[in-house]
Full PDB file with SEQRES, HELIX, SHEET, SSBOND, CRYST1, ORIGX, SCALE, CONECT and MASTER records, all heavy atoms in Angstrom:
SEQRES   1 A   28  VAL THR GLY THR LEU GLN THR HIS TYR ASP GLU PRO ARG          
SEQRES   2 A   28  TYR GLY HIS TYR TYR TRP PHE LEU THR GLU THR ALA SER          
SEQRES   3 A   28  ALA PRO                                                      
SHEET    1 AA1 2 THR A   2  ARG A  13  0                                        
SHEET    2 AA1 2 HIS A  16  THR A  24 -1                                        
CRYST1    1.000    1.000    1.000  90.00  90.00  90.00 P 1           1          
ORIGX1      1.000000  0.000000  0.000000        0.00000                         
ORIGX2      0.000000  1.000000  0.000000        0.00000                         
ORIGX3      0.000000  0.000000  1.000000        0.00000                         
SCALE1      1.000000  0.000000  0.000000        0.00000                         
SCALE2      0.000000  1.000000  0.000000        0.00000                         
SCALE3      0.000000  0.000000  1.000000        0.00000                         
ATOM      1  N   VAL A   1      89.499  99.906  88.505  1.00  0.00           N  
ATOM      2  CA  VAL A   1      89.760  98.810  89.444  1.00  0.00           C  
ATOM      3  C   VAL A   1      90.373  99.424  90.687  1.00  0.00           C  
ATOM      4  O   VAL A   1      91.306 100.235  90.612  1.00  0.00           O  
ATOM      5  CB  VAL A   1      90.682  97.729  88.823  1.00  0.00           C  
ATOM      6  CG1 VAL A   1      92.008  98.313  88.362  1.00  0.00           C  
ATOM      7  CG2 VAL A   1      90.918  96.610  89.838  1.00  0.00           C  
ATOM      8  N   THR A   2      89.833  99.059  91.832  1.00  0.00           N  
ATOM      9  CA  THR A   2      90.337  99.560  93.119  1.00  0.00           C  
ATOM     10  C   THR A   2      90.763  98.365  93.973  1.00  0.00           C  
ATOM     11  O   THR A   2      90.058  97.355  94.046  1.00  0.00           O  
ATOM     12  CB  THR A   2      89.250 100.355  93.857  1.00  0.00           C  
ATOM     13  OG1 THR A   2      88.871 101.478  93.059  1.00  0.00           O  
ATOM     14  CG2 THR A   2      89.769 100.864  95.203  1.00  0.00           C  
ATOM     15  N   GLY A   3      91.911  98.488  94.584  1.00  0.00           N  
ATOM     16  CA  GLY A   3      92.402  97.431  95.451  1.00  0.00           C  
ATOM     17  C   GLY A   3      93.494  97.951  96.356  1.00  0.00           C  
ATOM     18  O   GLY A   3      93.800  99.147  96.365  1.00  0.00           O  
ATOM     19  N   THR A   4      94.110  97.050  97.105  1.00  0.00           N  
ATOM     20  CA  THR A   4      95.176  97.421  98.035  1.00  0.00           C  
ATOM     21  C   THR A   4      96.515  96.944  97.506  1.00  0.00           C  
ATOM     22  O   THR A   4      96.740  95.746  97.333  1.00  0.00           O  
ATOM     23  CB  THR A   4      94.937  96.802  99.427  1.00  0.00           C  
ATOM     24  OG1 THR A   4      93.667  97.224  99.909  1.00  0.00           O  
ATOM     25  CG2 THR A   4      96.017  97.230 100.394  1.00  0.00           C  
ATOM     26  N   LEU A   5      97.387  97.888  97.217  1.00  0.00           N  
ATOM     27  CA  LEU A   5      98.755  97.564  96.797  1.00  0.00           C  
ATOM     28  C   LEU A   5      99.587  97.358  98.059  1.00  0.00           C  
ATOM     29  O   LEU A   5      99.726  98.279  98.882  1.00  0.00           O  
ATOM     30  CB  LEU A   5      99.308  98.717  95.960  1.00  0.00           C  
ATOM     31  CG  LEU A   5     100.545  98.427  95.104  1.00  0.00           C  
ATOM     32  CD1 LEU A   5     100.241  97.351  94.054  1.00  0.00           C  
ATOM     33  CD2 LEU A   5     101.026  99.699  94.419  1.00  0.00           C  
ATOM     34  N   GLN A   6     100.053  96.148  98.244  1.00  0.00           N  
ATOM     35  CA  GLN A   6     100.802  95.786  99.454  1.00  0.00           C  
ATOM     36  C   GLN A   6     102.257  95.571  99.096  1.00  0.00           C  
ATOM     37  O   GLN A   6     102.588  94.878  98.153  1.00  0.00           O  
ATOM     38  CB  GLN A   6     100.237  94.506 100.075  1.00  0.00           C  
ATOM     39  CG  GLN A   6     101.049  94.000 101.257  1.00  0.00           C  
ATOM     40  CD  GLN A   6     100.518  92.686 101.806  1.00  0.00           C  
ATOM     41  OE1 GLN A   6      99.323  92.412 101.732  1.00  0.00           O  
ATOM     42  NE2 GLN A   6     101.410  91.868 102.346  1.00  0.00           N  
ATOM     43  N   THR A   7     103.132  96.188  99.883  1.00  0.00           N  
ATOM     44  CA  THR A   7     104.563  96.040  99.682  1.00  0.00           C  
ATOM     45  C   THR A   7     105.189  95.370 100.901  1.00  0.00           C  
ATOM     46  O   THR A   7     104.958  95.790 102.038  1.00  0.00           O  
ATOM     47  CB  THR A   7     105.227  97.416  99.460  1.00  0.00           C  
ATOM     48  OG1 THR A   7     104.592  98.078  98.373  1.00  0.00           O  
ATOM     49  CG2 THR A   7     106.680  97.257  99.123  1.00  0.00           C  
ATOM     50  N   HIS A   8     105.976  94.330 100.646  1.00  0.00           N  
ATOM     51  CA  HIS A   8     106.701  93.644 101.719  1.00  0.00           C  
ATOM     52  C   HIS A   8     108.195  93.848 101.493  1.00  0.00           C  
ATOM     53  O   HIS A   8     108.696  93.719 100.378  1.00  0.00           O  
ATOM     54  CB  HIS A   8     106.378  92.143 101.725  1.00  0.00           C  
ATOM     55  CG  HIS A   8     107.263  91.359 102.631  1.00  0.00           C  
ATOM     56  ND1 HIS A   8     108.248  90.523 102.176  1.00  0.00           N  
ATOM     57  CD2 HIS A   8     107.331  91.300 103.991  1.00  0.00           C  
ATOM     58  CE1 HIS A   8     108.882  89.971 103.182  1.00  0.00           C  
ATOM     59  NE2 HIS A   8     108.339  90.418 104.290  1.00  0.00           N  
ATOM     60  N   TYR A   9     108.881  94.159 102.560  1.00  0.00           N  
ATOM     61  CA  TYR A   9     110.330  94.388 102.502  1.00  0.00           C  
ATOM     62  C   TYR A   9     111.073  93.340 103.325  1.00  0.00           C  
ATOM     63  O   TYR A   9     110.589  92.915 104.382  1.00  0.00           O  
ATOM     64  CB  TYR A   9     110.678  95.781 103.028  1.00  0.00           C  
ATOM     65  CG  TYR A   9     110.051  96.894 102.237  1.00  0.00           C  
ATOM     66  CD1 TYR A   9     108.863  97.488 102.650  1.00  0.00           C  
ATOM     67  CD2 TYR A   9     110.646  97.357 101.063  1.00  0.00           C  
ATOM     68  CE1 TYR A   9     108.276  98.514 101.919  1.00  0.00           C  
ATOM     69  CE2 TYR A   9     110.069  98.369 100.320  1.00  0.00           C  
ATOM     70  CZ  TYR A   9     108.887  98.939 100.759  1.00  0.00           C  
ATOM     71  OH  TYR A   9     108.310  99.948 100.016  1.00  0.00           O  
ATOM     72  N   ASP A  10     112.246  92.931 102.853  1.00  0.00           N  
ATOM     73  CA  ASP A  10     113.068  91.996 103.606  1.00  0.00           C  
ATOM     74  C   ASP A  10     113.593  92.637 104.892  1.00  0.00           C  
ATOM     75  O   ASP A  10     113.772  91.958 105.913  1.00  0.00           O  
ATOM     76  CB  ASP A  10     114.241  91.512 102.750  1.00  0.00           C  
ATOM     77  CG  ASP A  10     113.771  90.670 101.572  1.00  0.00           C  
ATOM     78  OD1 ASP A  10     112.723  90.005 101.702  1.00  0.00           O  
ATOM     79  OD2 ASP A  10     114.453  90.668 100.532  1.00  0.00           O  
ATOM     80  N   GLU A  11     113.851  93.917 104.845  1.00  0.00           N  
ATOM     81  CA  GLU A  11     114.258  94.695 106.016  1.00  0.00           C  
ATOM     82  C   GLU A  11     113.264  95.842 106.188  1.00  0.00           C  
ATOM     83  O   GLU A  11     112.706  96.323 105.202  1.00  0.00           O  
ATOM     84  CB  GLU A  11     115.678  95.243 105.836  1.00  0.00           C  
ATOM     85  CG  GLU A  11     116.745  94.177 105.655  1.00  0.00           C  
ATOM     86  CD  GLU A  11     116.935  93.338 106.921  1.00  0.00           C  
ATOM     87  OE1 GLU A  11     116.613  93.848 108.017  1.00  0.00           O  
ATOM     88  OE2 GLU A  11     117.378  92.179 106.799  1.00  0.00           O  
ATOM     89  N   PRO A  12     113.050  96.308 107.395  1.00  0.00           N  
ATOM     90  CA  PRO A  12     112.076  97.385 107.598  1.00  0.00           C  
ATOM     91  C   PRO A  12     112.379  98.598 106.734  1.00  0.00           C  
ATOM     92  O   PRO A  12     113.532  98.998 106.580  1.00  0.00           O  
ATOM     93  CB  PRO A  12     112.224  97.712 109.089  1.00  0.00           C  
ATOM     94  CG  PRO A  12     112.725  96.454 109.711  1.00  0.00           C  
ATOM     95  CD  PRO A  12     113.656  95.854 108.676  1.00  0.00           C  
ATOM     96  N   ARG A  13     111.349  99.152 106.169  1.00  0.00           N  
ATOM     97  CA  ARG A  13     111.448 100.355 105.328  1.00  0.00           C  
ATOM     98  C   ARG A  13     110.751 101.478 106.099  1.00  0.00           C  
ATOM     99  O   ARG A  13     109.526 101.435 106.292  1.00  0.00           O  
ATOM    100  CB  ARG A  13     110.761 100.091 103.997  1.00  0.00           C  
ATOM    101  CG  ARG A  13     110.726 101.252 103.029  1.00  0.00           C  
ATOM    102  CD  ARG A  13     112.025 101.387 102.297  1.00  0.00           C  
ATOM    103  NE  ARG A  13     111.828 102.061 101.010  1.00  0.00           N  
ATOM    104  CZ  ARG A  13     112.748 102.838 100.447  1.00  0.00           C  
ATOM    105  NH1 ARG A  13     113.903 103.071 101.071  1.00  0.00           N  
ATOM    106  NH2 ARG A  13     112.518 103.378  99.273  1.00  0.00           N  
ATOM    107  N   TYR A  14     111.530 102.428 106.551  1.00  0.00           N  
ATOM    108  CA  TYR A  14     110.999 103.505 107.390  1.00  0.00           C  
ATOM    109  C   TYR A  14     110.194 102.950 108.559  1.00  0.00           C  
ATOM    110  O   TYR A  14     109.109 103.406 108.896  1.00  0.00           O  
ATOM    111  CB  TYR A  14     110.157 104.472 106.570  1.00  0.00           C  
ATOM    112  CG  TYR A  14     110.917 105.094 105.425  1.00  0.00           C  
ATOM    113  CD1 TYR A  14     110.489 104.922 104.118  1.00  0.00           C  
ATOM    114  CD2 TYR A  14     112.056 105.847 105.671  1.00  0.00           C  
ATOM    115  CE1 TYR A  14     111.206 105.476 103.063  1.00  0.00           C  
ATOM    116  CE2 TYR A  14     112.774 106.409 104.621  1.00  0.00           C  
ATOM    117  CZ  TYR A  14     112.360 106.216 103.324  1.00  0.00           C  
ATOM    118  OH  TYR A  14     113.057 106.767 102.291  1.00  0.00           O  
ATOM    119  N   GLY A  15     110.753 101.870 109.156  1.00  0.00           N  
ATOM    120  CA  GLY A  15     110.179 101.350 110.391  1.00  0.00           C  
ATOM    121  C   GLY A  15     109.182 100.229 110.244  1.00  0.00           C  
ATOM    122  O   GLY A  15     108.692  99.707 111.248  1.00  0.00           O  
ATOM    123  N   HIS A  16     108.876  99.804 109.021  1.00  0.00           N  
ATOM    124  CA  HIS A  16     107.851  98.770 108.850  1.00  0.00           C  
ATOM    125  C   HIS A  16     108.241  97.799 107.737  1.00  0.00           C  
ATOM    126  O   HIS A  16     108.844  98.189 106.725  1.00  0.00           O  
ATOM    127  CB  HIS A  16     106.488  99.394 108.521  1.00  0.00           C  
ATOM    128  CG  HIS A  16     105.951 100.254 109.627  1.00  0.00           C  
ATOM    129  ND1 HIS A  16     105.191  99.750 110.659  1.00  0.00           N  
ATOM    130  CD2 HIS A  16     106.083 101.590 109.860  1.00  0.00           C  
ATOM    131  CE1 HIS A  16     104.874 100.730 111.486  1.00  0.00           C  
ATOM    132  NE2 HIS A  16     105.400 101.865 111.023  1.00  0.00           N  
ATOM    133  N   TYR A  17     107.849  96.533 107.919  1.00  0.00           N  
ATOM    134  CA  TYR A  17     108.053  95.531 106.880  1.00  0.00           C  
ATOM    135  C   TYR A  17     106.998  95.624 105.784  1.00  0.00           C  
ATOM    136  O   TYR A  17     107.229  95.197 104.663  1.00  0.00           O  
ATOM    137  CB  TYR A  17     108.004  94.114 107.484  1.00  0.00           C  
ATOM    138  CG  TYR A  17     109.243  93.722 108.240  1.00  0.00           C  
ATOM    139  CD1 TYR A  17     109.299  93.836 109.629  1.00  0.00           C  
ATOM    140  CD2 TYR A  17     110.356  93.204 107.564  1.00  0.00           C  
ATOM    141  CE1 TYR A  17     110.438  93.463 110.331  1.00  0.00           C  
ATOM    142  CE2 TYR A  17     111.503  92.826 108.266  1.00  0.00           C  
ATOM    143  CZ  TYR A  17     111.529  92.961 109.638  1.00  0.00           C  
ATOM    144  OH  TYR A  17     112.659  92.595 110.315  1.00  0.00           O  
ATOM    145  N   TYR A  18     105.817  96.118 106.138  1.00  0.00           N  
ATOM    146  CA  TYR A  18     104.704  96.167 105.186  1.00  0.00           C  
ATOM    147  C   TYR A  18     104.185  97.603 105.091  1.00  0.00           C  
ATOM    148  O   TYR A  18     104.079  98.308 106.111  1.00  0.00           O  
ATOM    149  CB  TYR A  18     103.541  95.265 105.643  1.00  0.00           C  
ATOM    150  CG  TYR A  18     103.879  93.796 105.676  1.00  0.00           C  
ATOM    151  CD1 TYR A  18     104.359  93.213 106.840  1.00  0.00           C  
ATOM    152  CD2 TYR A  18     103.691  92.993 104.555  1.00  0.00           C  
ATOM    153  CE1 TYR A  18     104.678  91.863 106.884  1.00  0.00           C  
ATOM    154  CE2 TYR A  18     103.995  91.639 104.586  1.00  0.00           C  
ATOM    155  CZ  TYR A  18     104.485  91.082 105.762  1.00  0.00           C  
ATOM    156  OH  TYR A  18     104.780  89.752 105.793  1.00  0.00           O  
ATOM    157  N   TRP A  19     103.838  97.973 103.876  1.00  0.00           N  
ATOM    158  CA  TRP A  19     103.103  99.227 103.654  1.00  0.00           C  
ATOM    159  C   TRP A  19     101.929  98.905 102.732  1.00  0.00           C  
ATOM    160  O   TRP A  19     102.027  98.042 101.843  1.00  0.00           O  
ATOM    161  CB  TRP A  19     103.987 100.301 103.013  1.00  0.00           C  
ATOM    162  CG  TRP A  19     104.985 100.897 103.970  1.00  0.00           C  
ATOM    163  CD1 TRP A  19     106.213 100.394 104.293  1.00  0.00           C  
ATOM    164  CD2 TRP A  19     104.821 102.090 104.737  1.00  0.00           C  
ATOM    165  NE1 TRP A  19     106.827 101.208 105.207  1.00  0.00           N  
ATOM    166  CE2 TRP A  19     106.006 102.251 105.500  1.00  0.00           C  
ATOM    167  CE3 TRP A  19     103.807 103.037 104.864  1.00  0.00           C  
ATOM    168  CZ2 TRP A  19     106.205 103.325 106.362  1.00  0.00           C  
ATOM    169  CZ3 TRP A  19     103.992 104.120 105.716  1.00  0.00           C  
ATOM    170  CH2 TRP A  19     105.179 104.249 106.462  1.00  0.00           C  
ATOM    171  N   PHE A  20     100.813  99.612 102.933  1.00  0.00           N  
ATOM    172  CA  PHE A  20      99.590  99.338 102.182  1.00  0.00           C  
ATOM    173  C   PHE A  20      99.073 100.638 101.563  1.00  0.00           C  
ATOM    174  O   PHE A  20      99.031 101.676 102.234  1.00  0.00           O  
ATOM    175  CB  PHE A  20      98.519  98.756 103.106  1.00  0.00           C  
ATOM    176  CG  PHE A  20      98.916  97.468 103.766  1.00  0.00           C  
ATOM    177  CD1 PHE A  20      99.689  97.475 104.919  1.00  0.00           C  
ATOM    178  CD2 PHE A  20      98.526  96.253 103.232  1.00  0.00           C  
ATOM    179  CE1 PHE A  20     100.055  96.293 105.534  1.00  0.00           C  
ATOM    180  CE2 PHE A  20      98.889  95.063 103.852  1.00  0.00           C  
ATOM    181  CZ  PHE A  20      99.650  95.079 105.006  1.00  0.00           C  
ATOM    182  N   LEU A  21      98.670 100.551 100.322  1.00  0.00           N  
ATOM    183  CA  LEU A  21      98.185 101.736  99.609  1.00  0.00           C  
ATOM    184  C   LEU A  21      96.913 101.375  98.841  1.00  0.00           C  
ATOM    185  O   LEU A  21      96.911 100.448  98.031  1.00  0.00           O  
ATOM    186  CB  LEU A  21      99.245 102.231  98.625  1.00  0.00           C  
ATOM    187  CG  LEU A  21      98.868 103.409  97.719  1.00  0.00           C  
ATOM    188  CD1 LEU A  21      98.679 104.687  98.532  1.00  0.00           C  
ATOM    189  CD2 LEU A  21      99.933 103.619  96.645  1.00  0.00           C  
ATOM    190  N   THR A  22      95.833 102.098  99.109  1.00  0.00           N  
ATOM    191  CA  THR A  22      94.623 101.915  98.317  1.00  0.00           C  
ATOM    192  C   THR A  22      94.818 102.619  96.973  1.00  0.00           C  
ATOM    193  O   THR A  22      95.056 103.825  96.939  1.00  0.00           O  
ATOM    194  CB  THR A  22      93.392 102.505  99.034  1.00  0.00           C  
ATOM    195  OG1 THR A  22      93.202 101.802 100.264  1.00  0.00           O  
ATOM    196  CG2 THR A  22      92.142 102.337  98.176  1.00  0.00           C  
ATOM    197  N   GLU A  23      94.761 101.842  95.900  1.00  0.00           N  
ATOM    198  CA  GLU A  23      95.055 102.374  94.564  1.00  0.00           C  
ATOM    199  C   GLU A  23      93.857 102.141  93.640  1.00  0.00           C  
ATOM    200  O   GLU A  23      93.278 101.047  93.624  1.00  0.00           O  
ATOM    201  CB  GLU A  23      96.298 101.693  93.990  1.00  0.00           C  
ATOM    202  CG  GLU A  23      96.665 102.094  92.581  1.00  0.00           C  
ATOM    203  CD  GLU A  23      97.213 103.513  92.482  1.00  0.00           C  
ATOM    204  OE1 GLU A  23      97.551 104.102  93.530  1.00  0.00           O  
ATOM    205  OE2 GLU A  23      97.306 104.022  91.355  1.00  0.00           O  
ATOM    206  N   THR A  24      93.501 103.157  92.887  1.00  0.00           N  
ATOM    207  CA  THR A  24      92.458 103.030  91.863  1.00  0.00           C  
ATOM    208  C   THR A  24      93.078 103.347  90.509  1.00  0.00           C  
ATOM    209  O   THR A  24      93.717 104.391  90.349  1.00  0.00           O  
ATOM    210  CB  THR A  24      91.290 103.988  92.136  1.00  0.00           C  
ATOM    211  OG1 THR A  24      90.652 103.633  93.372  1.00  0.00           O  
ATOM    212  CG2 THR A  24      90.248 103.888  91.012  1.00  0.00           C  
ATOM    213  N   ALA A  25      92.891 102.451  89.579  1.00  0.00           N  
ATOM    214  CA  ALA A  25      93.412 102.651  88.227  1.00  0.00           C  
ATOM    215  C   ALA A  25      92.267 102.546  87.227  1.00  0.00           C  
ATOM    216  O   ALA A  25      91.324 101.769  87.422  1.00  0.00           O  
ATOM    217  CB  ALA A  25      94.480 101.586  87.907  1.00  0.00           C  
ATOM    218  N   SER A  26      92.357 103.337  86.186  1.00  0.00           N  
ATOM    219  CA  SER A  26      91.381 103.302  85.088  1.00  0.00           C  
ATOM    220  C   SER A  26      92.063 102.693  83.872  1.00  0.00           C  
ATOM    221  O   SER A  26      93.214 103.033  83.564  1.00  0.00           O  
ATOM    222  CB  SER A  26      90.879 104.715  84.750  1.00  0.00           C  
ATOM    223  OG  SER A  26      90.284 105.305  85.877  1.00  0.00           O  
ATOM    224  N   ALA A  27      91.351 101.819  83.166  1.00  0.00           N  
ATOM    225  CA  ALA A  27      91.939 101.157  82.016  1.00  0.00           C  
ATOM    226  C   ALA A  27      90.902 100.973  80.926  1.00  0.00           C  
ATOM    227  O   ALA A  27      89.697 100.880  81.209  1.00  0.00           O  
ATOM    228  CB  ALA A  27      92.515  99.790  82.419  1.00  0.00           C  
ATOM    229  N   PRO A  28      91.330 100.915  79.670  1.00  0.00           N  
ATOM    230  CA  PRO A  28      90.375 100.694  78.570  1.00  0.00           C  
ATOM    231  C   PRO A  28      89.747  99.309  78.676  1.00  0.00           C  
ATOM    232  O   PRO A  28      90.400  98.344  79.090  1.00  0.00           O  
ATOM    233  CB  PRO A  28      91.236 100.823  77.307  1.00  0.00           C  
ATOM    234  CG  PRO A  28      92.635 100.573  77.763  1.00  0.00           C  
ATOM    235  CD  PRO A  28      92.715 101.069  79.172  1.00  0.00           C  
TER     236      PRO A  28                                                      
MASTER        0    0    0    0    2    0    0    6  235    1    0    3          
END                                                                             
């Protein structure tokens, strides 16, 4: 499964409220 892991912060984290990571996971 491939998708976008999105993180939202209440306060900026290293300059940004949002960070996005394309993540692929394999599962049985």
